[in-house]
């Protein structure tokens, strides 16, 4: 007997969604590590492409949350990066703003850090 036979269809969907979320967070983590590496090494074109990969991961959550303004803001960030193409310092600064914006989006969609709120109970050990 298969272990999954014991689960209801709802449980299977929940498990699948949970696993997909864990994998997406893992992919985001790996991409952020690459972004930090490329940024430190001054490989700003590779940094830019990795930021695009992160946006690809987060954009579905932005769409589900009906955040069309994030898509507009992302286009503005991309425009600023293209406009700074011939000035390495300006391109770096534009990429840094996009980097920070993507970190903020990740937190907003619940895939980043979670700050403890005052109404949460302390966990007793």
Protein backbone atom coordinates (compact mmCIF):
# COMPACT_ATOMS: atom_id res chain seq x y z
CA UNK A 1 0.00 0.00 0.00
CA UNK A 2 1.33 3.41 -0.99
CA UNK A 3 1.76 5.91 1.84
CA UNK A 4 0.01 8.60 -0.20
CA UNK A 5 -3.10 6.40 -0.49
CA UNK A 6 -3.81 7.23 3.15
CA UNK A 7 -3.94 10.96 2.44
CA UNK A 8 -7.03 12.69 1.19
CA UNK A 9 -6.83 14.68 -2.04
CA UNK A 10 -6.78 17.87 0.03
CA UNK A 11 -3.80 16.58 2.02
CA UNK A 12 -1.97 15.71 -1.19
CA UNK A 13 -2.53 19.21 -2.58
CA UNK A 14 -1.36 20.75 0.70
CA UNK A 15 1.76 18.57 0.72
CA UNK A 16 2.52 19.43 -2.91
CA UNK A 17 2.08 23.15 -2.24
CA UNK A 18 4.27 22.93 0.86
CA UNK A 19 7.05 21.12 -1.03
CA UNK A 20 6.86 23.57 -3.92
CA UNK A 21 7.17 26.49 -1.51
CA UNK A 22 10.22 24.94 0.15
CA UNK A 23 11.86 24.42 -3.24
CA UNK A 24 11.09 27.98 -4.30
CA UNK A 25 12.62 29.37 -1.11
CA UNK A 26 15.68 27.21 -1.74
CA UNK A 27 16.00 28.52 -5.30
CA UNK A 28 15.67 32.08 -4.03
CA UNK A 29 18.32 31.47 -1.38
CA UNK A 30 20.73 30.13 -4.00
CA UNK A 31 20.06 33.09 -6.28
CA UNK A 32 20.64 35.59 -3.48
CA UNK A 33 23.95 33.90 -2.69
CA UNK A 34 24.99 34.24 -6.33
CA UNK A 35 23.89 37.89 -6.36
CA UNK A 36 26.06 38.65 -3.35
CA UNK A 37 29.00 36.80 -4.91
CA UNK A 38 28.70 38.61 -8.27
CA UNK A 39 28.25 41.96 -6.54
CA UNK A 40 31.41 41.49 -4.45
CA UNK A 41 33.39 40.37 -7.50
CA UNK A 42 32.18 43.32 -9.57
CA UNK A 43 30.47 41.07 -12.12
CA UNK A 44 27.52 43.39 -12.48
CA UNK A 45 26.12 41.82 -15.65
CA UNK A 46 25.92 38.42 -13.95
CA UNK A 47 24.41 40.14 -10.91
CA UNK A 48 21.77 41.73 -13.16
CA UNK A 49 20.80 38.39 -14.72
CA UNK A 50 20.56 36.72 -11.31
CA UNK A 51 18.29 39.53 -10.09
CA UNK A 52 16.10 38.82 -13.12
CA UNK A 53 15.95 35.16 -12.05
CA UNK A 54 14.79 36.25 -8.60
CA UNK A 55 12.07 38.43 -10.13
CA UNK A 56 10.96 35.43 -12.20
CA UNK A 57 10.49 33.48 -8.95
CA UNK A 58 8.68 36.30 -7.14
CA UNK A 59 6.53 37.63 -9.97
CA UNK A 60 3.98 34.82 -9.70
CA UNK A 61 3.41 35.71 -6.04
CA UNK A 62 3.13 39.39 -6.97
CA UNK A 63 0.53 38.50 -9.59
CA UNK A 64 -1.43 36.37 -7.10
CA UNK A 65 -1.38 39.27 -4.62
CA UNK A 66 -2.68 41.59 -7.36
CA UNK A 67 0.35 43.85 -7.07
CA UNK A 68 0.46 45.32 -10.58
CA UNK A 69 2.35 48.32 -9.19
CA UNK A 70 5.32 46.02 -8.50
CA UNK A 71 5.47 45.12 -12.19
CA UNK A 72 5.50 48.82 -13.09
CA UNK A 73 8.21 49.56 -10.52
CA UNK A 74 10.27 46.63 -11.83
CA UNK A 75 10.07 48.09 -15.34
CA UNK A 76 11.31 51.41 -13.96
CA UNK A 77 14.25 49.66 -12.27
CA UNK A 78 15.08 47.85 -15.52
CA UNK A 79 14.85 51.11 -17.47
CA UNK A 80 17.25 52.80 -15.03
CA UNK A 81 19.71 49.92 -15.39
CA UNK A 82 19.61 50.13 -19.20
CA UNK A 83 19.96 53.92 -19.07
CA UNK A 84 23.12 53.52 -16.96
CA UNK A 85 24.63 50.92 -19.30
CA UNK A 86 27.68 53.05 -20.14
CA UNK A 87 28.39 54.24 -16.61
CA UNK A 88 29.54 51.44 -14.32
CA UNK A 89 28.95 53.39 -11.10
CA UNK A 90 25.42 54.41 -12.09
CA UNK A 91 24.65 50.87 -13.25
CA UNK A 92 25.89 49.51 -9.92
CA UNK A 93 23.67 51.95 -8.01
CA UNK A 94 20.64 51.07 -10.18
CA UNK A 95 21.26 47.35 -9.61
CA UNK A 96 21.57 47.93 -5.88
CA UNK A 97 18.16 49.62 -5.84
CA UNK A 98 16.63 46.71 -7.78
CA UNK A 99 18.32 44.28 -5.37
CA UNK A 100 16.81 46.08 -2.37
CA UNK A 101 13.40 46.27 -4.03
CA UNK A 102 13.40 42.52 -4.71
CA UNK A 103 14.37 41.81 -1.09
CA UNK A 104 11.43 43.94 0.01
CA UNK A 105 9.04 42.12 -2.36
CA UNK A 106 10.28 38.76 -1.07
CA UNK A 107 9.43 39.82 2.47
CA UNK A 108 6.05 41.23 1.40
CA UNK A 109 4.96 37.97 -0.25
CA UNK A 110 6.02 35.97 2.81
CA UNK A 111 9.08 34.28 1.34
CA UNK A 112 11.69 36.26 3.23
CA UNK A 113 12.25 37.09 6.85
CA UNK A 114 9.39 37.12 9.30
CA UNK A 115 9.57 39.58 12.10
CA UNK A 116 7.95 38.66 15.40
CA UNK A 117 4.97 40.83 16.20
CA UNK A 118 3.81 41.93 19.64
CA UNK A 119 0.68 39.79 19.44
CA UNK A 120 2.57 36.54 18.97
CA UNK A 121 3.03 34.29 21.96
CA UNK A 122 6.54 33.49 23.09
CA UNK A 123 7.55 29.94 22.49
CA UNK A 124 8.24 28.21 25.77
CA UNK A 125 11.09 25.75 25.91
